[in-house]
Amino acid sequence: MAFQPKARLHLGAEAEVWSGTWMGRPAVRKHRRSRAWRHPDLEKRLGYRRMLSEARILIRIKGAGLPVPAVWDVDLESGRIIMEKMNGRPLIEILRDENVSQDEIHKALHNSGCAVRMLHRMAVTHGDLSTNNILIDEDCNAFLIDFGLSAIEYEVERFGIDGLTIGDTISDNEVPSALPRILVDEPTVSMLFYVNDSPFAGKEGKYLTTRHLKERLQKEILSNVSIQVADTQRTDVFEVRGRGELQMAILIETMRRFRPLIG
């Protein structure tokens, strides 16, 4: 029985995700999107390798008991993977919901940490471990999703990619007292960063694709807590918010190699 789509969950630069049913069971279909600007042979090889890696890692860690979706069907030629649909709400929604008690939040965070610890013990990094990619069910159990950037890693330093959170306090077990959380003023300026599609695109710069631009902006918000990045209706356009013209000017200058169009 073919996958029966019901609702689109996400449309990103690299993949489109739908919820629906497969063999009568709630499922999610992830379909890699073709990038017209890539050579067809390169696009096929990249898509094949990334989806194969994601499927292998999911099957491996699911078999070890990690709270991740089960892989039910994979079509490497067409770039499709069908997985178990995990119930729950994104962790970011739980943290922002005023109706959720502190005990439930503590339990959800504890279970999220346990899931990440299990993942790292299997020498796997998630690669995009945001609060949107951790689902929390009614019992505060945590589930990890979206392993498109996951990888097998044996260097301890690489696991820091999944655990970098500015504002956390590292303390002694005997005195687990946290410092006050850092508060950052809300942004006052918003700009649109476009992938350069002008007639001069490609003549200068090194990183010119949607993936490169998105990865650079995501890297920026890891260390620059006053910058916010949001998706738009177009996959090649990102809204960037900052605290002033000077800050935005500095960011644009540091991204010269990406040659983005600014609006």
C-alpha atoms as a PDB file:
ATOM      1  CA  MET A   1       0.000   0.000   0.000  1.00  0.00           C
ATOM      2  CA  ALA A   2       1.371   3.412  -0.971  1.00  0.00           C
ATOM      3  CA  PHE A   3       1.823   6.295   1.403  1.00  0.00           C
ATOM      4  CA  GLN A   4      -1.375   8.341   1.785  1.00  0.00           C
ATOM      5  CA  PRO A   5      -0.479  11.997   2.440  1.00  0.00           C
ATOM      6  CA  LYS A   6      -2.663  14.156   4.689  1.00  0.00           C
ATOM      7  CA  ALA A   7      -0.809  17.336   5.606  1.00  0.00           C
ATOM      8  CA  ARG A   8       2.522  18.930   4.802  1.00  0.00           C
ATOM      9  CA  LEU A   9       4.574  19.369   7.956  1.00  0.00           C
ATOM     10  CA  HIS A  10       7.607  21.179   6.598  1.00  0.00           C
ATOM     11  CA  LEU A  11       9.016  22.582   3.370  1.00  0.00           C
ATOM     12  CA  GLY A  12      12.721  23.190   3.626  1.00  0.00           C
ATOM     13  CA  ALA A  13      15.593  23.897   1.281  1.00  0.00           C
ATOM     14  CA  GLU A  14      16.617  20.243   1.120  1.00  0.00           C
ATOM     15  CA  ALA A  15      13.471  18.233   1.850  1.00  0.00           C
ATOM     16  CA  GLU A  16       9.686  18.224   2.012  1.00  0.00           C
ATOM     17  CA  VAL A  17       7.985  16.394   4.899  1.00  0.00           C
ATOM     18  CA  TRP A  18       4.391  15.114   4.906  1.00  0.00           C
ATOM     19  CA  SER A  19       2.304  13.317   7.514  1.00  0.00           C
ATOM     20  CA  GLY A  20      -0.124  10.585   6.498  1.00  0.00           C
ATOM     21  CA  THR A  21      -0.575   6.839   6.681  1.00  0.00           C
ATOM     22  CA  TRP A  22       1.391   3.864   5.387  1.00  0.00           C
ATOM     23  CA  MET A  23       0.012   0.349   5.612  1.00  0.00           C
ATOM     24  CA  GLY A  24      -2.733   1.775   7.816  1.00  0.00           C
ATOM     25  CA  ARG A  25      -0.299   3.245  10.337  1.00  0.00           C
ATOM     26  CA  PRO A  26       0.469   6.917  11.073  1.00  0.00           C
ATOM     27  CA  ALA A  27       3.605   7.777   9.150  1.00  0.00           C
ATOM     28  CA  VAL A  28       5.831  10.572   7.897  1.00  0.00           C
ATOM     29  CA  ARG A  29       7.277  10.797   4.401  1.00  0.00           C
ATOM     30  CA  LYS A  30      10.467  12.741   3.799  1.00  0.00           C
ATOM     31  CA  HIS A  31      11.228  13.551   0.188  1.00  0.00           C
ATOM     32  CA  ARG A  32      14.502  15.150  -0.792  1.00  0.00           C
ATOM     33  CA  ARG A  33      14.033  18.087  -3.139  1.00  0.00           C
ATOM     34  CA  SER A  34      16.082  18.312  -6.304  1.00  0.00           C
ATOM     35  CA  ARG A  35      18.244  21.396  -6.650  1.00  0.00           C
ATOM     36  CA  ALA A  36      18.051  22.643 -10.233  1.00  0.00           C
ATOM     37  CA  TRP A  37      21.376  24.468 -10.040  1.00  0.00           C
ATOM     38  CA  ARG A  38      23.304  21.262  -9.262  1.00  0.00           C
ATOM     39  CA  HIS A  39      24.547  18.966 -11.989  1.00  0.00           C
ATOM     40  CA  PRO A  40      22.086  16.023 -12.178  1.00  0.00           C
ATOM     41  CA  ASP A  41      24.797  13.435 -11.495  1.00  0.00           C
ATOM     42  CA  LEU A  42      26.098  15.329  -8.450  1.00  0.00           C
ATOM     43  CA  GLU A  43      22.562  15.891  -7.174  1.00  0.00           C
ATOM     44  CA  LYS A  44      21.792  12.179  -7.448  1.00  0.00           C
ATOM     45  CA  ARG A  45      24.982  11.121  -5.661  1.00  0.00           C
ATOM     46  CA  LEU A  46      24.537  13.625  -2.834  1.00  0.00           C
ATOM     47  CA  GLY A  47      20.892  12.757  -2.294  1.00  0.00           C
ATOM     48  CA  TYR A  48      21.628   9.029  -2.392  1.00  0.00           C
ATOM     49  CA  ARG A  49      24.453   9.237   0.146  1.00  0.00           C
ATOM     50  CA  ARG A  50      22.642  11.530   2.581  1.00  0.00           C
ATOM     51  CA  MET A  51      19.439   9.510   2.614  1.00  0.00           C
ATOM     52  CA  LEU A  52      21.336   6.230   2.900  1.00  0.00           C
ATOM     53  CA  SER A  53      23.307   7.622   5.855  1.00  0.00           C
ATOM     54  CA  GLU A  54      20.147   8.896   7.579  1.00  0.00           C
ATOM     55  CA  ALA A  55      18.348   5.566   7.130  1.00  0.00           C
ATOM     56  CA  ARG A  56      21.305   3.507   8.367  1.00  0.00           C
ATOM     57  CA  ILE A  57      21.781   5.650  11.469  1.00  0.00           C
ATOM     58  CA  LEU A  58      18.066   5.579  12.329  1.00  0.00           C
ATOM     59  CA  ILE A  59      17.894   1.793  11.947  1.00  0.00           C
ATOM     60  CA  ARG A  60      21.016   1.377  14.082  1.00  0.00           C
ATOM     61  CA  ILE A  61      19.940   3.565  16.990  1.00  0.00           C
ATOM     62  CA  LYS A  62      16.310   2.421  16.877  1.00  0.00           C
ATOM     63  CA  GLY A  63      17.511  -1.142  17.259  1.00  0.00           C
ATOM     64  CA  ALA A  64      19.485  -0.065  20.323  1.00  0.00           C
ATOM     65  CA  GLY A  65      16.329   1.273  21.959  1.00  0.00           C
ATOM     66  CA  LEU A  66      16.686   5.005  21.353  1.00  0.00           C
ATOM     67  CA  PRO A  67      13.467   7.064  21.179  1.00  0.00           C
ATOM     68  CA  VAL A  68      13.562   7.776  17.431  1.00  0.00           C
ATOM     69  CA  PRO A  69      11.231   6.976  14.503  1.00  0.00           C
ATOM     70  CA  ALA A  70      11.322   3.513  12.971  1.00  0.00           C
ATOM     71  CA  VAL A  71      12.239   3.383   9.284  1.00  0.00           C
ATOM     72  CA  TRP A  72       9.555   1.536   7.321  1.00  0.00           C
ATOM     73  CA  ASP A  73      10.444   2.106   3.684  1.00  0.00           C
ATOM     74  CA  VAL A  74      13.314   3.666   1.743  1.00  0.00           C
ATOM     75  CA  ASP A  75      13.504   4.527  -1.954  1.00  0.00           C
ATOM     76  CA  LEU A  76      17.015   5.810  -2.550  1.00  0.00           C
ATOM     77  CA  GLU A  77      16.528   6.329  -6.271  1.00  0.00           C
ATOM     78  CA  SER A  78      13.645   8.768  -5.820  1.00  0.00           C
ATOM     79  CA  GLY A  79      14.945  10.201  -2.528  1.00  0.00           C
ATOM     80  CA  ARG A  80      12.036   9.136  -0.318  1.00  0.00           C
ATOM     81  CA  ILE A  81      11.994   7.678   3.171  1.00  0.00           C
ATOM     82  CA  ILE A  82       8.897   6.683   5.149  1.00  0.00           C
ATOM     83  CA  MET A  83       9.124   6.637   8.928  1.00  0.00           C
ATOM     84  CA  GLU A  84       6.990   6.087  11.978  1.00  0.00           C
ATOM     85  CA  LYS A  85       5.107   9.213  13.054  1.00  0.00           C
ATOM     86  CA  MET A  86       6.067  10.192  16.591  1.00  0.00           C
ATOM     87  CA  ASN A  87       3.386  11.744  18.770  1.00  0.00           C
ATOM     88  CA  GLY A  88       4.132  14.852  20.752  1.00  0.00           C
ATOM     89  CA  ARG A  89       4.765  18.579  20.630  1.00  0.00           C
ATOM     90  CA  PRO A  90       8.089  20.292  19.922  1.00  0.00           C
ATOM     91  CA  LEU A  91      10.051  21.024  23.077  1.00  0.00           C
ATOM     92  CA  ILE A  92      10.042  24.743  22.257  1.00  0.00           C
ATOM     93  CA  GLU A  93       6.227  24.775  22.505  1.00  0.00           C
ATOM     94  CA  ILE A  94       6.345  23.028  25.868  1.00  0.00           C
ATOM     95  CA  LEU A  95       8.810  25.576  27.232  1.00  0.00           C
ATOM     96  CA  ARG A  96       6.678  28.489  26.039  1.00  0.00           C
ATOM     97  CA  ASP A  97       3.325  27.087  27.195  1.00  0.00           C
ATOM     98  CA  GLU A  98       2.222  28.858  30.380  1.00  0.00           C
ATOM     99  CA  ASN A  99      -0.168  25.997  31.172  1.00  0.00           C
ATOM    100  CA  VAL A 100       2.672  23.491  31.521  1.00  0.00           C
ATOM    101  CA  SER A 101       3.878  23.104  35.100  1.00  0.00           C
ATOM    102  CA  GLN A 102       7.507  23.448  36.156  1.00  0.00           C
ATOM    103  CA  ASP A 103       7.563  19.777  37.177  1.00  0.00           C
ATOM    104  CA  GLU A 104       6.478  18.752  33.673  1.00  0.00           C
ATOM    105  CA  ILE A 105       9.090  21.027  32.097  1.00  0.00           C
ATOM    106  CA  HIS A 106      11.799  19.599  34.366  1.00  0.00           C
ATOM    107  CA  LYS A 107      10.775  16.060  33.452  1.00  0.00           C
ATOM    108  CA  ALA A 108      10.698  16.877  29.740  1.00  0.00           C
ATOM    109  CA  LEU A 109      14.173  18.426  29.875  1.00  0.00           C
ATOM    110  CA  HIS A 110      15.526  15.518  31.907  1.00  0.00           C
ATOM    111  CA  ASN A 111      14.179  12.988  29.407  1.00  0.00           C
ATOM    112  CA  SER A 112      15.546  15.052  26.506  1.00  0.00           C
ATOM    113  CA  GLY A 113      18.993  15.011  28.103  1.00  0.00           C
ATOM    114  CA  CYS A 114      18.800  11.249  28.624  1.00  0.00           C
ATOM    115  CA  ALA A 115      17.908  10.726  24.962  1.00  0.00           C
ATOM    116  CA  VAL A 116      20.838  12.854  23.783  1.00  0.00           C
ATOM    117  CA  ARG A 117      23.197  11.046  26.165  1.00  0.00           C
ATOM    118  CA  MET A 118      22.112   7.690  24.727  1.00  0.00           C
ATOM    119  CA  LEU A 119      22.646   9.026  21.211  1.00  0.00           C
ATOM    120  CA  HIS A 120      26.185  10.188  21.953  1.00  0.00           C
ATOM    121  CA  ARG A 121      27.048   6.908  23.660  1.00  0.00           C
ATOM    122  CA  MET A 122      26.451   5.275  20.280  1.00  0.00           C
ATOM    123  CA  ALA A 123      28.940   7.692  18.666  1.00  0.00           C
ATOM    124  CA  VAL A 124      26.200   9.534  16.770  1.00  0.00           C
ATOM    125  CA  THR A 125      25.778  13.293  16.506  1.00  0.00           C
ATOM    126  CA  HIS A 126      22.387  14.652  15.515  1.00  0.00           C
ATOM    127  CA  GLY A 127      23.733  17.707  13.714  1.00  0.00           C
ATOM    128  CA  ASP A 128      20.591  19.845  14.116  1.00  0.00           C
ATOM    129  CA  LEU A 129      19.469  19.249  17.693  1.00  0.00           C
ATOM    130  CA  SER A 130      17.176  22.241  18.133  1.00  0.00           C
ATOM    131  CA  THR A 131      14.108  22.377  20.384  1.00  0.00           C
ATOM    132  CA  ASN A 132      12.018  21.863  17.243  1.00  0.00           C
ATOM    133  CA  ASN A 133      13.576  18.444  16.669  1.00  0.00           C
ATOM    134  CA  ILE A 134      12.736  17.091  20.123  1.00  0.00           C
ATOM    135  CA  LEU A 135       9.127  15.989  20.596  1.00  0.00           C
ATOM    136  CA  ILE A 136       7.508  15.654  24.036  1.00  0.00           C
ATOM    137  CA  ASP A 137       4.432  13.461  24.528  1.00  0.00           C
ATOM    138  CA  GLU A 138       1.719  13.691  27.197  1.00  0.00           C
ATOM    139  CA  ASP A 139       3.845  11.723  29.667  1.00  0.00           C
ATOM    140  CA  CYS A 140       6.839  14.038  29.115  1.00  0.00           C
ATOM    141  CA  ASN A 141       8.757  11.358  27.210  1.00  0.00           C
ATOM    142  CA  ALA A 142      11.235  12.770  24.674  1.00  0.00           C
ATOM    143  CA  PHE A 143      11.686  11.656  21.059  1.00  0.00           C
ATOM    144  CA  LEU A 144      14.393  12.780  18.638  1.00  0.00           C
ATOM    145  CA  ILE A 145      13.482  13.444  14.996  1.00  0.00           C
ATOM    146  CA  ASP A 146      15.013  14.749  11.737  1.00  0.00           C
ATOM    147  CA  PHE A 147      18.380  13.017  11.375  1.00  0.00           C
ATOM    148  CA  GLY A 148      19.192  14.491   7.974  1.00  0.00           C
ATOM    149  CA  LEU A 149      22.489  15.965   9.249  1.00  0.00           C
ATOM    150  CA  SER A 150      23.413  13.134  11.608  1.00  0.00           C
ATOM    151  CA  ALA A 151      26.785  11.430  11.433  1.00  0.00           C
ATOM    152  CA  ILE A 152      28.950   8.818  13.116  1.00  0.00           C
ATOM    153  CA  GLU A 153      31.594  10.623  15.177  1.00  0.00           C
ATOM    154  CA  TYR A 154      34.396   9.341  17.401  1.00  0.00           C
ATOM    155  CA  GLU A 155      35.881  12.678  18.464  1.00  0.00           C
ATOM    156  CA  VAL A 156      34.420  13.876  21.758  1.00  0.00           C
ATOM    157  CA  GLU A 157      34.599  17.511  20.663  1.00  0.00           C
ATOM    158  CA  ARG A 158      32.114  16.884  17.859  1.00  0.00           C
ATOM    159  CA  PHE A 159      29.371  16.010  20.335  1.00  0.00           C
ATOM    160  CA  GLY A 160      29.416  19.623  21.485  1.00  0.00           C
ATOM    161  CA  ILE A 161      27.469  20.494  18.327  1.00  0.00           C
ATOM    162  CA  ASP A 162      24.398  18.896  19.921  1.00  0.00           C
ATOM    163  CA  GLY A 163      24.820  20.472  23.345  1.00  0.00           C
ATOM    164  CA  LEU A 164      25.765  24.072  22.763  1.00  0.00           C
ATOM    165  CA  THR A 165      23.399  26.327  24.722  1.00  0.00           C
ATOM    166  CA  ILE A 166      24.496  29.810  25.756  1.00  0.00           C
ATOM    167  CA  GLY A 167      23.285  30.712  29.241  1.00  0.00           C
ATOM    168  CA  ASP A 168      23.619  27.270  30.833  1.00  0.00           C
ATOM    169  CA  THR A 169      25.540  26.924  34.093  1.00  0.00           C
ATOM    170  CA  ILE A 170      28.089  24.154  34.674  1.00  0.00           C
ATOM    171  CA  SER A 171      28.189  23.466  38.404  1.00  0.00           C
ATOM    172  CA  ASP A 172      29.245  20.897  40.969  1.00  0.00           C
ATOM    173  CA  ASN A 173      26.825  18.046  41.675  1.00  0.00           C
ATOM    174  CA  GLU A 174      26.923  18.918  45.344  1.00  0.00           C
ATOM    175  CA  VAL A 175      25.929  22.541  44.720  1.00  0.00           C
ATOM    176  CA  PRO A 176      23.687  22.538  41.611  1.00  0.00           C
ATOM    177  CA  SER A 177      22.933  26.249  41.694  1.00  0.00           C
ATOM    178  CA  ALA A 178      22.438  27.989  38.362  1.00  0.00           C
ATOM    179  CA  LEU A 179      23.338  31.565  37.600  1.00  0.00           C
ATOM    180  CA  PRO A 180      20.506  33.808  36.389  1.00  0.00           C
ATOM    181  CA  ARG A 181      19.654  33.117  32.763  1.00  0.00           C
ATOM    182  CA  ILE A 182      21.067  35.675  30.330  1.00  0.00           C
ATOM    183  CA  LEU A 183      18.377  38.023  29.026  1.00  0.00           C
ATOM    184  CA  VAL A 184      18.852  39.564  25.588  1.00  0.00           C
ATOM    185  CA  ASP A 185      16.919  42.541  24.259  1.00  0.00           C
ATOM    186  CA  GLU A 186      14.475  41.784  21.466  1.00  0.00           C
ATOM    187  CA  PRO A 187      15.575  42.590  17.872  1.00  0.00           C
ATOM    188  CA  THR A 188      14.757  46.030  16.468  1.00  0.00           C
ATOM    189  CA  VAL A 189      15.789  45.536  12.816  1.00  0.00           C
ATOM    190  CA  SER A 190      14.737  42.905  10.297  1.00  0.00           C
ATOM    191  CA  MET A 191      16.303  42.126   6.913  1.00  0.00           C
ATOM    192  CA  LEU A 192      15.780  39.490   4.229  1.00  0.00           C
ATOM    193  CA  PHE A 193      18.806  37.473   3.101  1.00  0.00           C
ATOM    194  CA  TYR A 194      18.377  36.048  -0.418  1.00  0.00           C
ATOM    195  CA  VAL A 195      20.466  33.500  -2.260  1.00  0.00           C
ATOM    196  CA  ASN A 196      22.199  35.460  -4.983  1.00  0.00           C
ATOM    197  CA  ASP A 197      20.376  34.833  -8.272  1.00  0.00           C
ATOM    198  CA  SER A 198      21.474  38.007 -10.040  1.00  0.00           C
ATOM    199  CA  PRO A 199      23.144  37.915 -13.488  1.00  0.00           C
ATOM    200  CA  PHE A 200      26.513  38.185 -11.709  1.00  0.00           C
ATOM    201  CA  ALA A 201      25.882  35.226  -9.385  1.00  0.00           C
ATOM    202  CA  GLY A 202      28.795  32.809  -9.257  1.00  0.00           C
ATOM    203  CA  LYS A 203      31.410  35.250 -10.529  1.00  0.00           C
ATOM    204  CA  GLU A 204      32.546  36.010  -6.969  1.00  0.00           C
ATOM    205  CA  GLY A 205      32.166  34.274  -3.634  1.00  0.00           C
ATOM    206  CA  LYS A 206      32.672  30.693  -2.578  1.00  0.00           C
ATOM    207  CA  TYR A 207      29.475  29.543  -0.839  1.00  0.00           C
ATOM    208  CA  LEU A 208      26.526  30.480  -3.028  1.00  0.00           C
ATOM    209  CA  THR A 209      23.775  27.898  -2.451  1.00  0.00           C
ATOM    210  CA  THR A 210      20.724  27.886  -0.206  1.00  0.00           C
ATOM    211  CA  ARG A 211      22.287  25.188   1.972  1.00  0.00           C
ATOM    212  CA  HIS A 212      25.475  27.192   2.452  1.00  0.00           C
ATOM    213  CA  LEU A 213      23.576  30.359   3.343  1.00  0.00           C
ATOM    214  CA  LYS A 214      21.307  28.569   5.806  1.00  0.00           C
ATOM    215  CA  GLU A 215      24.172  26.714   7.487  1.00  0.00           C
ATOM    216  CA  ARG A 216      26.112  29.973   7.869  1.00  0.00           C
ATOM    217  CA  LEU A 217      23.135  31.740   9.469  1.00  0.00           C
ATOM    218  CA  GLN A 218      22.456  28.778  11.776  1.00  0.00           C
ATOM    219  CA  LYS A 219      26.101  28.829  12.825  1.00  0.00           C
ATOM    220  CA  GLU A 220      25.819  32.547  13.589  1.00  0.00           C
ATOM    221  CA  ILE A 221      22.926  32.145  16.028  1.00  0.00           C
ATOM    222  CA  LEU A 222      24.846  29.526  18.006  1.00  0.00           C
ATOM    223  CA  SER A 223      27.290  32.153  19.235  1.00  0.00           C
ATOM    224  CA  ASN A 224      25.396  35.397  18.641  1.00  0.00           C
ATOM    225  CA  VAL A 225      22.374  35.178  20.920  1.00  0.00           C
ATOM    226  CA  SER A 226      20.928  38.515  19.794  1.00  0.00           C
ATOM    227  CA  ILE A 227      20.500  37.365  16.193  1.00  0.00           C
ATOM    228  CA  GLN A 228      17.328  35.528  15.171  1.00  0.00           C
ATOM    229  CA  VAL A 229      16.794  33.660  11.889  1.00  0.00           C
ATOM    230  CA  ALA A 230      13.372  32.658  10.559  1.00  0.00           C
ATOM    231  CA  ASP A 231      12.249  30.813   7.435  1.00  0.00           C
ATOM    232  CA  THR A 232      10.006  32.532   4.910  1.00  0.00           C
ATOM    233  CA  GLN A 233       7.577  31.269   2.302  1.00  0.00           C
ATOM    234  CA  ARG A 234      10.497  30.962  -0.110  1.00  0.00           C
ATOM    235  CA  THR A 235      13.121  28.333   0.587  1.00  0.00           C
ATOM    236  CA  ASP A 236      15.949  30.559  -0.675  1.00  0.00           C
ATOM    237  CA  VAL A 237      15.058  33.567   1.499  1.00  0.00           C
ATOM    238  CA  PHE A 238      15.672  33.948   5.254  1.00  0.00           C
ATOM    239  CA  GLU A 239      14.520  36.683   7.592  1.00  0.00           C
ATOM    240  CA  VAL A 240      17.333  37.841   9.876  1.00  0.00           C
ATOM    241  CA  ARG A 241      16.569  39.996  12.910  1.00  0.00           C
ATOM    242  CA  GLY A 242      19.113  41.967  14.893  1.00  0.00           C
ATOM    243  CA  ARG A 243      19.457  44.692  17.500  1.00  0.00           C
ATOM    244  CA  GLY A 244      20.577  47.523  15.255  1.00  0.00           C
ATOM    245  CA  GLU A 245      22.001  48.639  11.939  1.00  0.00           C
ATOM    246  CA  LEU A 246      25.605  48.300  13.150  1.00  0.00           C
ATOM    247  CA  GLN A 247      25.145  44.690  14.181  1.00  0.00           C
ATOM    248  CA  MET A 248      23.493  43.829  10.860  1.00  0.00           C
ATOM    249  CA  ALA A 249      26.248  45.626   8.943  1.00  0.00           C
ATOM    250  CA  ILE A 250      28.909  43.586  10.761  1.00  0.00           C
ATOM    251  CA  LEU A 251      27.040  40.346  10.021  1.00  0.00           C
ATOM    252  CA  ILE A 252      26.756  41.218   6.328  1.00  0.00           C
ATOM    253  CA  GLU A 253      30.460  42.048   6.172  1.00  0.00           C
ATOM    254  CA  THR A 254      31.429  38.703   7.751  1.00  0.00           C
ATOM    255  CA  MET A 255      29.306  36.915   5.132  1.00  0.00           C
ATOM    256  CA  ARG A 256      31.037  38.402   2.092  1.00  0.00           C
ATOM    257  CA  ARG A 257      32.047  34.959   0.795  1.00  0.00           C
ATOM    258  CA  PHE A 258      28.358  34.021   0.564  1.00  0.00           C
ATOM    259  CA  ARG A 259      27.429  37.069  -1.533  1.00  0.00           C
ATOM    260  CA  PRO A 260      23.803  37.202  -0.289  1.00  0.00           C
ATOM    261  CA  LEU A 261      21.278  39.700  -1.643  1.00  0.00           C
ATOM    262  CA  ILE A 262      19.927  41.887   1.146  1.00  0.00           C
ATOM    263  CA  GLY A 263      16.423  43.335   1.269  1.00  0.00           C
END
